[in-house]
Amino acid sequence: MSVMLLFDAPYPESFRVLANILAGLNFGIEFVSPQCLGIGSNYYALFSATVGSLALIGVALMLLPLRRSGWNLRKMLHSDVGGRAFRDLFVVVLLFHPSVSGTAMLFFRCQEINGVSYLMADYSIECFDSSWWSFLPFILFVLILFSLGTPCAIARVLYARRDRLYDESGEYVKQPLDVLFASYRKEHYYYESVIMVFKLALWCSLVMFNHGFEGQLALALLVNFVQLNLHIYLVPFGGSNGKIKNALQTVTYVLTVFVNVSALMLNYLTLAQAYAILDQTDDKEVARYTHHIQLTEQVLAALTWFTICFVVVAVARRLLGKRVPRLFQRMRAGRSGSSGRQQQQPGADNDALAVAQNIERRASGGGGGGGTALNFSVSNPMTERRGGGQYSSSSSTTTTTRTATTATRATTAYYF
């Protein structure tokens, strides 16, 4: 999406905000500040400082494991420390690969102004002058070794280890390089390299033609359409979250294709409106083109922001899905516990009422007067076994005499 917004098209104003947001989420050349080193801030300095910083990070990650392995590269590759170092290195490479490759591609994106071609990434630099040609070998070195070499190296390493990546059930085996294939199904372990190649192809469509040429958007549409269909055909993501990942990725690709088609439509409508104004056509014709442009922009903006919000909400629900239900379960458990206690109280009242009625019924059954006695036998805790025989006496039970009037008073005291 961030690459599509770089194409020359009359996108809605809100898309500029989206482009700034996406640019802030990428690891770009703003990661370093060459001005602190006094080497300038033009395109050449920024790109050189970024590539140099990335190379230093890679050397720093591999230097300590190599030293612990006695400077033996083969031994380091088979050690746990070396495996973790390679994992960290690949994570850094995956983070910087899109932005560094895209910045290198921008070296070929020039715009002609008054007969002079300027670099669109930095209008202070002229294209095809001596400094441009001097910097070209370094750009080609980065594109071949880093941009194209990284996906090829990842695919080669995973292919050599393909029998050790997953178990018999199709679950990935935890290892230092699982960050490269753990998200994909067993038969599509290589798909990370495919995604990187598609990104490079999209960057190529941006810089291959002159600025403003419709062939840029046409080639980009072809790349996006092939990527969408390949994703739908393979369904590469696997694991417990495979379905939601495939669905969200499909939605993203569909949105990218829609933005691409809308950019072509907006370019056509804008061009038709300009010709109508130049030919002094009827004002109704110009107003019609203006209305179509505004309608297309509104539909494009609404659908794009709706899709982005949908993806964000889906991801948030997936990430918090295991926490939010637990919270609701605790809340429901608390409510059910309080309601259970409230339901237990009427039951206790009914039990007490039944006991009181039983006492009254037994009291009234013994005779007709208030002096009728009730006998309660209570076991004496002093009862014990002595000399192998059972010891009992009249003190083993305590006879308590209460009248029916006492039972009536106890019943009355309970309710009042």
Protein backbone atom coordinates (compact mmCIF):
# COMPACT_ATOMS: atom_id res chain seq x y z
CA MET A 1 0.00 0.00 0.00
CA SER A 2 2.80 2.44 0.88
CA VAL A 3 4.36 1.87 -2.57
CA MET A 4 1.06 2.45 -4.35
CA LEU A 5 0.70 5.86 -2.75
CA LEU A 6 3.98 6.93 -4.39
CA PHE A 7 2.52 6.66 -7.90
CA ASP A 8 1.53 9.80 -9.74
CA ALA A 9 -2.25 9.86 -9.26
CA PRO A 10 -4.72 12.45 -7.89
CA TYR A 11 -5.41 10.57 -4.66
CA PRO A 12 -7.78 12.08 -2.06
CA GLU A 13 -6.31 14.42 0.52
CA SER A 14 -6.81 11.89 3.29
CA PHE A 15 -4.42 9.55 1.48
CA ARG A 16 -1.56 11.92 2.22
CA VAL A 17 -2.23 11.36 5.91
CA LEU A 18 -2.28 7.63 5.27
CA ALA A 19 1.01 7.84 3.37
CA ASN A 20 2.63 9.68 6.28
CA ILE A 21 1.35 7.07 8.73
CA LEU A 22 2.66 4.18 6.63
CA ALA A 23 5.97 5.95 6.14
CA GLY A 24 6.30 6.28 9.91
CA LEU A 25 5.73 2.54 10.34
CA ASN A 26 8.58 1.62 7.99
CA PHE A 27 12.26 1.49 8.81
CA GLY A 28 13.47 4.01 6.28
CA ILE A 29 16.59 6.03 5.64
CA GLU A 30 15.53 8.44 8.40
CA PHE A 31 16.82 5.79 10.78
CA VAL A 32 20.22 7.49 10.72
CA SER A 33 21.28 11.13 10.69
CA PRO A 34 24.47 11.67 8.63
CA GLN A 35 24.46 15.35 9.60
CA CYS A 36 25.82 14.33 13.00
CA LEU A 37 28.90 12.99 11.21
CA GLY A 38 29.21 16.03 8.98
CA ILE A 39 28.76 14.11 5.73
CA GLY A 40 25.73 15.97 4.39
CA SER A 41 22.06 15.13 4.11
CA ASN A 42 21.42 14.54 0.40
CA TYR A 43 20.28 11.27 -1.11
CA TYR A 44 23.79 9.92 -1.53
CA ALA A 45 24.74 10.55 2.10
CA LEU A 46 21.50 9.21 3.56
CA PHE A 47 21.58 6.03 1.52
CA SER A 48 25.26 5.38 2.20
CA ALA A 49 24.80 5.94 5.93
CA THR A 50 21.80 3.56 6.02
CA VAL A 51 23.60 0.77 4.19
CA GLY A 52 26.71 1.30 6.33
CA SER A 53 24.69 1.17 9.55
CA LEU A 54 22.94 -2.02 8.42
CA ALA A 55 26.30 -3.62 7.62
CA LEU A 56 27.69 -2.63 11.04
CA ILE A 57 24.67 -4.15 12.78
CA GLY A 58 25.19 -7.40 10.88
CA VAL A 59 28.88 -7.54 11.73
CA ALA A 60 28.18 -6.79 15.40
CA LEU A 61 25.61 -9.59 15.58
CA MET A 62 27.95 -12.17 14.06
CA LEU A 63 31.26 -11.09 15.61
CA LEU A 64 30.70 -12.42 19.16
CA PRO A 65 29.41 -15.89 18.13
CA LEU A 66 32.27 -16.20 15.65
CA ARG A 67 34.78 -15.33 18.34
CA ARG A 68 33.30 -17.87 20.77
CA SER A 69 33.58 -20.52 18.06
CA GLY A 70 37.31 -19.90 17.63
CA TRP A 71 36.77 -17.96 14.38
CA ASN A 72 35.48 -21.17 12.82
CA LEU A 73 32.50 -20.33 10.61
CA ARG A 74 31.35 -23.93 10.21
CA LYS A 75 31.44 -24.52 13.95
CA MET A 76 29.53 -21.29 14.58
CA LEU A 77 26.80 -22.28 12.13
CA HIS A 78 26.11 -25.50 14.07
CA SER A 79 26.19 -23.89 17.53
CA ASP A 80 23.20 -22.52 19.46
CA VAL A 81 24.79 -19.10 19.82
CA GLY A 82 25.41 -18.92 16.09
CA GLY A 83 21.85 -19.98 15.35
CA ARG A 84 20.42 -17.23 17.56
CA ALA A 85 22.77 -14.72 15.92
CA PHE A 86 21.55 -15.72 12.46
CA ARG A 87 17.95 -15.41 13.63
CA ASP A 88 18.55 -11.86 14.89
CA LEU A 89 20.36 -11.00 11.66
CA PHE A 90 17.49 -12.24 9.52
CA VAL A 91 15.00 -10.26 11.62
CA VAL A 92 17.00 -7.06 11.04
CA VAL A 93 17.29 -7.83 7.32
CA LEU A 94 13.54 -8.45 7.00
CA LEU A 95 12.80 -5.14 8.73
CA PHE A 96 15.10 -3.07 6.52
CA HIS A 97 14.77 -4.93 3.23
CA PRO A 98 11.64 -3.12 1.87
CA SER A 99 12.82 0.41 2.68
CA VAL A 100 16.45 -0.05 1.65
CA SER A 101 15.48 -1.77 -1.60
CA GLY A 102 12.86 0.87 -2.34
CA THR A 103 15.30 3.69 -1.66
CA ALA A 104 17.81 2.08 -3.99
CA MET A 105 15.11 1.83 -6.67
CA LEU A 106 14.36 5.54 -6.29
CA PHE A 107 17.83 6.22 -7.70
CA PHE A 108 16.38 5.53 -11.17
CA ARG A 109 13.27 7.69 -10.71
CA CYS A 110 13.93 10.98 -12.41
CA GLN A 111 11.76 13.86 -13.61
CA GLU A 112 12.62 16.21 -16.41
CA ILE A 113 12.20 19.91 -15.64
CA ASN A 114 13.12 22.50 -18.30
CA GLY A 115 15.16 19.95 -20.17
CA VAL A 116 17.09 18.76 -17.10
CA SER A 117 16.42 15.46 -15.33
CA TYR A 118 16.37 15.63 -11.54
CA LEU A 119 16.25 12.86 -8.98
CA MET A 120 12.76 12.86 -7.51
CA ALA A 121 14.04 11.62 -4.16
CA ASP A 122 16.29 14.71 -3.97
CA TYR A 123 15.78 17.53 -6.47
CA SER A 124 19.21 18.93 -5.67
CA ILE A 125 20.75 16.01 -7.58
CA GLU A 126 20.77 15.83 -11.37
CA CYS A 127 20.34 12.50 -13.05
CA PHE A 128 22.91 11.18 -15.51
CA ASP A 129 25.66 13.57 -14.48
CA SER A 130 29.12 12.50 -13.32
CA SER A 131 28.15 12.04 -9.67
CA TRP A 132 25.07 10.01 -10.65
CA TRP A 133 27.14 7.64 -12.79
CA SER A 134 29.76 7.37 -10.03
CA PHE A 135 27.12 6.28 -7.51
CA LEU A 136 25.48 3.79 -9.90
CA PRO A 137 27.85 0.84 -9.14
CA PHE A 138 27.09 1.10 -5.43
CA ILE A 139 23.34 1.09 -6.12
CA LEU A 140 23.68 -1.96 -8.36
CA PHE A 141 25.77 -3.69 -5.70
CA VAL A 142 23.02 -3.16 -3.10
CA LEU A 143 20.24 -4.22 -5.47
CA ILE A 144 21.98 -7.41 -6.58
CA LEU A 145 23.57 -8.50 -3.32
CA PHE A 146 20.98 -7.28 -0.81
CA SER A 147 17.64 -6.75 -2.57
CA LEU A 148 17.75 -9.81 -4.82
CA GLY A 149 20.28 -11.80 -2.80
CA THR A 150 18.24 -11.81 0.42
CA PRO A 151 15.13 -13.64 -0.90
CA CYS A 152 17.34 -16.02 -2.89
CA ALA A 153 19.47 -16.76 0.20
CA ILE A 154 16.38 -17.33 2.36
CA ALA A 155 14.87 -19.70 -0.21
CA ARG A 156 18.16 -21.58 -0.56
CA VAL A 157 18.66 -22.00 3.19
CA LEU A 158 15.10 -23.16 3.75
CA TYR A 159 15.24 -25.54 0.80
CA ALA A 160 18.38 -27.18 2.21
CA ARG A 161 16.61 -27.65 5.57
CA ARG A 162 13.13 -28.46 4.23
CA ASP A 163 13.04 -31.91 5.86
CA ARG A 164 13.78 -30.45 9.30
CA LEU A 165 11.41 -27.49 9.28
CA TYR A 166 8.16 -29.30 10.18
CA ASP A 167 7.18 -32.49 11.97
CA GLU A 168 4.90 -35.22 10.64
CA SER A 169 1.75 -33.41 11.79
CA GLY A 170 2.69 -30.27 9.84
CA GLU A 171 3.64 -28.19 12.88
CA TYR A 172 6.85 -26.21 12.58
CA VAL A 173 9.86 -27.29 14.61
CA LYS A 174 11.24 -24.59 16.89
CA GLN A 175 14.72 -23.54 15.78
CA PRO A 176 16.68 -20.31 15.30
CA LEU A 177 15.43 -19.77 11.73
CA ASP A 178 11.75 -20.44 12.42
CA VAL A 179 11.02 -16.73 12.03
CA LEU A 180 11.34 -17.27 8.26
CA PHE A 181 8.79 -20.08 7.85
CA ALA A 182 6.78 -20.55 11.07
CA SER A 183 3.82 -18.53 9.77
CA TYR A 184 3.40 -20.63 6.63
CA ARG A 185 2.15 -24.10 5.89
CA LYS A 186 4.54 -26.98 5.39
CA GLU A 187 4.25 -27.02 1.60
CA HIS A 188 4.75 -23.23 1.37
CA TYR A 189 7.74 -22.76 3.67
CA TYR A 190 9.44 -20.57 1.03
CA TYR A 191 6.63 -17.99 0.72
CA GLU A 192 8.49 -15.23 2.58
CA SER A 193 10.88 -15.05 -0.37
CA VAL A 194 7.93 -14.83 -2.79
CA ILE A 195 6.48 -11.84 -0.91
CA MET A 196 9.83 -10.07 -1.00
CA VAL A 197 10.10 -10.61 -4.78
CA PHE A 198 6.61 -9.18 -5.34
CA LYS A 199 7.57 -6.06 -3.37
CA LEU A 200 10.63 -5.63 -5.54
CA ALA A 201 8.49 -6.03 -8.67
CA LEU A 202 6.14 -3.31 -7.42
CA TRP A 203 9.08 -0.99 -6.83
CA CYS A 204 10.33 -1.76 -10.36
CA SER A 205 6.98 -0.75 -11.83
CA LEU A 206 7.34 2.60 -10.07
CA VAL A 207 10.81 3.44 -11.46
CA MET A 208 10.81 1.58 -14.80
CA PHE A 209 8.84 4.22 -16.74
CA ASN A 210 8.97 7.99 -16.85
CA HIS A 211 7.15 9.96 -14.18
CA GLY A 212 3.43 10.24 -14.86
CA PHE A 213 3.35 7.54 -17.56
CA GLU A 214 0.27 5.33 -17.38
CA GLY A 215 2.39 2.25 -17.88
CA GLN A 216 3.51 2.54 -14.26
CA LEU A 217 0.03 1.96 -12.88
CA ALA A 218 -0.72 -0.67 -15.53
CA LEU A 219 2.36 -2.72 -14.60
CA ALA A 220 1.63 -2.25 -10.90
CA LEU A 221 -1.92 -3.50 -11.47
CA LEU A 222 -0.54 -6.60 -13.17
CA VAL A 223 1.81 -7.29 -10.24
CA ASN A 224 -0.93 -6.76 -7.65
CA PHE A 225 -3.41 -8.90 -9.56
CA VAL A 226 -0.95 -11.81 -9.90
CA GLN A 227 -0.05 -11.52 -6.21
CA LEU A 228 -3.72 -11.57 -5.19
CA ASN A 229 -4.54 -14.62 -7.31
CA LEU A 230 -1.45 -16.49 -6.16
CA HIS A 231 -2.35 -15.87 -2.54
CA ILE A 232 -5.93 -17.05 -3.06
CA TYR A 233 -4.72 -20.15 -4.90
CA LEU A 234 -2.02 -21.19 -2.41
CA VAL A 235 -3.50 -19.93 0.90
CA PRO A 236 0.04 -19.99 2.32
CA PHE A 237 -0.44 -19.11 5.97
CA GLY A 238 -0.89 -21.95 8.44
CA GLY A 239 -0.92 -22.67 12.14
CA SER A 240 -3.57 -21.81 14.69
CA ASN A 241 -4.00 -18.29 13.26
CA GLY A 242 -3.72 -19.33 9.62
CA LYS A 243 -7.33 -18.64 8.67
CA ILE A 244 -7.41 -15.12 10.05
CA LYS A 245 -4.00 -14.33 8.51
CA ASN A 246 -5.08 -15.54 5.07
CA ALA A 247 -8.33 -13.61 5.31
CA LEU A 248 -6.66 -10.36 6.36
CA GLN A 249 -3.97 -10.70 3.72
CA THR A 250 -6.62 -11.28 1.07
CA VAL A 251 -8.49 -8.18 2.18
CA THR A 252 -5.25 -6.17 1.99
CA TYR A 253 -4.48 -7.38 -1.53
CA VAL A 254 -8.02 -6.67 -2.70
CA LEU A 255 -7.76 -3.15 -1.28
CA THR A 256 -4.41 -2.64 -3.06
CA VAL A 257 -5.93 -3.72 -6.38
CA PHE A 258 -8.90 -1.42 -5.80
CA VAL A 259 -6.61 1.54 -5.05
CA ASN A 260 -4.65 0.75 -8.20
CA VAL A 261 -7.75 0.65 -10.40
CA SER A 262 -9.09 3.82 -8.78
CA ALA A 263 -5.79 5.58 -9.50
CA LEU A 264 -6.14 4.69 -13.18
CA MET A 265 -9.74 5.97 -13.18
CA LEU A 266 -8.77 9.22 -11.48
CA ASN A 267 -5.95 9.79 -13.95
CA TYR A 268 -8.34 9.28 -16.87
CA LEU A 269 -11.05 11.54 -15.42
CA THR A 270 -8.55 14.26 -14.53
CA LEU A 271 -7.06 14.16 -18.02
CA ALA A 272 -10.53 14.26 -19.63
CA GLN A 273 -11.47 17.22 -17.44
CA ALA A 274 -8.30 19.07 -18.46
CA TYR A 275 -9.00 18.49 -22.17
CA ALA A 276 -12.58 19.66 -21.69
CA ILE A 277 -11.36 22.89 -20.11
CA LEU A 278 -8.75 23.48 -22.82
CA ASP A 279 -11.25 22.86 -25.64
CA GLN A 280 -13.70 25.23 -23.93
CA THR A 281 -16.34 22.54 -23.88
CA ASP A 282 -19.76 23.07 -22.38
CA ASP A 283 -19.65 23.85 -18.66
CA LYS A 284 -21.99 20.94 -18.01
CA GLU A 285 -19.40 18.55 -19.45
CA VAL A 286 -16.69 19.96 -17.16
CA ALA A 287 -19.06 19.79 -14.19
CA ARG A 288 -19.83 16.18 -15.04
CA TYR A 289 -16.16 15.23 -14.99
CA THR A 290 -15.71 17.12 -11.73
CA HIS A 291 -18.62 15.26 -10.18
CA HIS A 292 -17.20 11.90 -11.30
CA ILE A 293 -13.80 12.75 -9.85
CA GLN A 294 -15.27 13.78 -6.51
CA LEU A 295 -17.47 10.68 -6.37
CA THR A 296 -14.55 8.38 -7.15
CA GLU A 297 -12.39 10.05 -4.51
CA GLN A 298 -15.12 9.74 -1.88
CA VAL A 299 -15.77 6.06 -2.64
CA LEU A 300 -12.04 5.33 -2.69
CA ALA A 301 -11.41 7.11 0.62
CA ALA A 302 -14.43 5.57 2.36
CA LEU A 303 -13.68 2.02 1.26
CA THR A 304 -9.96 2.33 2.02
CA TRP A 305 -10.37 3.70 5.54
CA PHE A 306 -13.18 1.23 6.27
CA THR A 307 -10.95 -1.67 5.21
CA ILE A 308 -8.04 -0.39 7.28
CA CYS A 309 -10.26 -0.04 10.35
CA PHE A 310 -11.66 -3.51 9.73
CA VAL A 311 -8.17 -5.02 9.56
CA VAL A 312 -7.04 -3.17 12.69
CA VAL A 313 -10.12 -4.27 14.66
CA ALA A 314 -9.76 -7.87 13.46
CA VAL A 315 -6.11 -7.97 14.47
CA ALA A 316 -6.86 -6.36 17.84
CA ARG A 317 -9.63 -8.86 18.53
CA ARG A 318 -7.33 -11.69 17.58
CA LEU A 319 -4.53 -10.43 19.81
CA LEU A 320 -6.84 -9.69 22.74
CA GLY A 321 -9.19 -12.60 22.06
CA LYS A 322 -7.64 -14.75 24.76
CA ARG A 323 -7.72 -12.02 27.37
CA VAL A 324 -11.08 -10.34 26.87
CA PRO A 325 -13.18 -13.56 27.23
CA ARG A 326 -11.38 -14.34 30.49
CA LEU A 327 -12.31 -10.92 31.81
CA PHE A 328 -15.94 -11.43 30.83
CA GLN A 329 -15.92 -14.89 32.36
CA ARG A 330 -14.70 -13.47 35.66
CA MET A 331 -17.38 -10.78 35.56
CA ARG A 332 -20.07 -13.34 34.80
CA ALA A 333 -18.76 -15.65 37.53
CA GLY A 334 -18.99 -12.80 40.02
CA ARG A 335 -22.54 -12.01 38.97
CA SER A 336 -23.61 -15.64 39.08
CA GLY A 337 -22.03 -16.05 42.52
CA SER A 338 -23.91 -13.07 43.93
CA SER A 339 -27.17 -14.24 42.37
CA GLY A 340 -26.52 -17.71 43.78
CA ARG A 341 -26.12 -16.32 47.25
CA GLN A 342 -29.33 -14.36 46.83
CA GLN A 343 -31.11 -17.53 45.74
CA GLN A 344 -29.76 -19.46 48.70
CA GLN A 345 -31.39 -17.13 51.25
CA PRO A 346 -35.04 -18.00 50.35
CA GLY A 347 -34.07 -21.67 50.51
CA ALA A 348 -32.74 -21.22 54.07
CA ASP A 349 -35.97 -19.47 55.04
CA ASN A 350 -37.99 -22.40 53.70
CA ASP A 351 -35.87 -24.89 55.66
CA ALA A 352 -36.31 -22.93 58.90
CA LEU A 353 -40.04 -22.68 58.28
CA ALA A 354 -40.27 -26.45 57.72
CA VAL A 355 -38.37 -27.15 60.96
CA ALA A 356 -40.66 -24.82 62.92
CA GLN A 357 -43.77 -26.36 61.40
CA ASN A 358 -42.45 -29.83 62.22
CA ILE A 359 -41.88 -28.79 65.83
CA GLU A 360 -45.38 -27.40 66.10
CA ARG A 361 -46.86 -30.49 64.45
CA ARG A 362 -45.03 -32.86 66.80
CA ALA A 363 -45.96 -30.71 69.80
CA SER A 364 -49.61 -30.65 68.88
CA GLY A 365 -49.59 -34.38 68.17
CA GLY A 366 -48.61 -35.28 71.79
CA GLY A 367 -51.69 -33.79 73.49
CA GLY A 368 -54.05 -30.95 73.51
CA GLY A 369 -52.57 -28.67 76.18
CA GLY A 370 -49.74 -26.21 76.36
CA GLY A 371 -47.98 -28.32 78.99
CA THR A 372 -47.34 -31.21 76.59
CA ALA A 373 -43.60 -32.08 76.62
CA LEU A 374 -41.18 -32.76 73.76
CA ASN A 375 -38.15 -34.99 74.32
CA PHE A 376 -34.82 -34.33 72.51
CA SER A 377 -32.05 -36.91 72.94
CA VAL A 378 -28.56 -35.43 72.65
CA SER A 379 -25.56 -37.75 72.63
CA ASN A 380 -23.16 -37.24 75.54
CA PRO A 381 -19.58 -36.63 74.33
CA MET A 382 -18.26 -38.42 77.47
CA THR A 383 -19.39 -41.80 76.14
CA GLU A 384 -16.27 -43.97 75.75
CA ARG A 385 -15.21 -47.58 75.34
CA ARG A 386 -13.54 -49.17 78.36
CA GLY A 387 -12.04 -52.68 78.88
CA GLY A 388 -13.11 -53.82 75.45
CA GLY A 389 -16.75 -53.36 76.34
CA GLN A 390 -19.27 -50.65 75.75
CA TYR A 391 -19.61 -48.35 78.71
CA SER A 392 -22.98 -46.64 78.98
CA SER A 393 -25.00 -45.13 81.75
CA SER A 394 -27.95 -42.97 82.21
CA SER A 395 -25.64 -39.99 81.85
CA SER A 396 -24.83 -40.99 78.26
CA THR A 397 -28.01 -39.21 77.14
CA THR A 398 -29.39 -35.96 78.36
CA THR A 399 -33.16 -35.63 78.50
CA THR A 400 -34.35 -32.12 77.85
CA THR A 401 -37.95 -31.23 78.46
CA ARG A 402 -39.49 -28.34 76.59
CA THR A 403 -43.11 -27.44 76.28
CA ALA A 404 -45.07 -26.67 73.18
CA THR A 405 -45.16 -23.07 74.33
CA THR A 406 -41.34 -22.92 73.99
CA ALA A 407 -41.55 -24.27 70.47
CA THR A 408 -44.17 -21.69 69.63
CA ARG A 409 -41.97 -18.92 71.02
CA ALA A 410 -38.98 -20.16 68.98
CA THR A 411 -41.08 -20.12 65.83
CA THR A 412 -42.39 -16.65 66.56
CA ALA A 413 -38.85 -15.34 67.30
CA TYR A 414 -37.62 -16.58 63.92
CA TYR A 415 -40.11 -14.52 61.93
CA PHE A 416 -40.18 -11.42 64.04
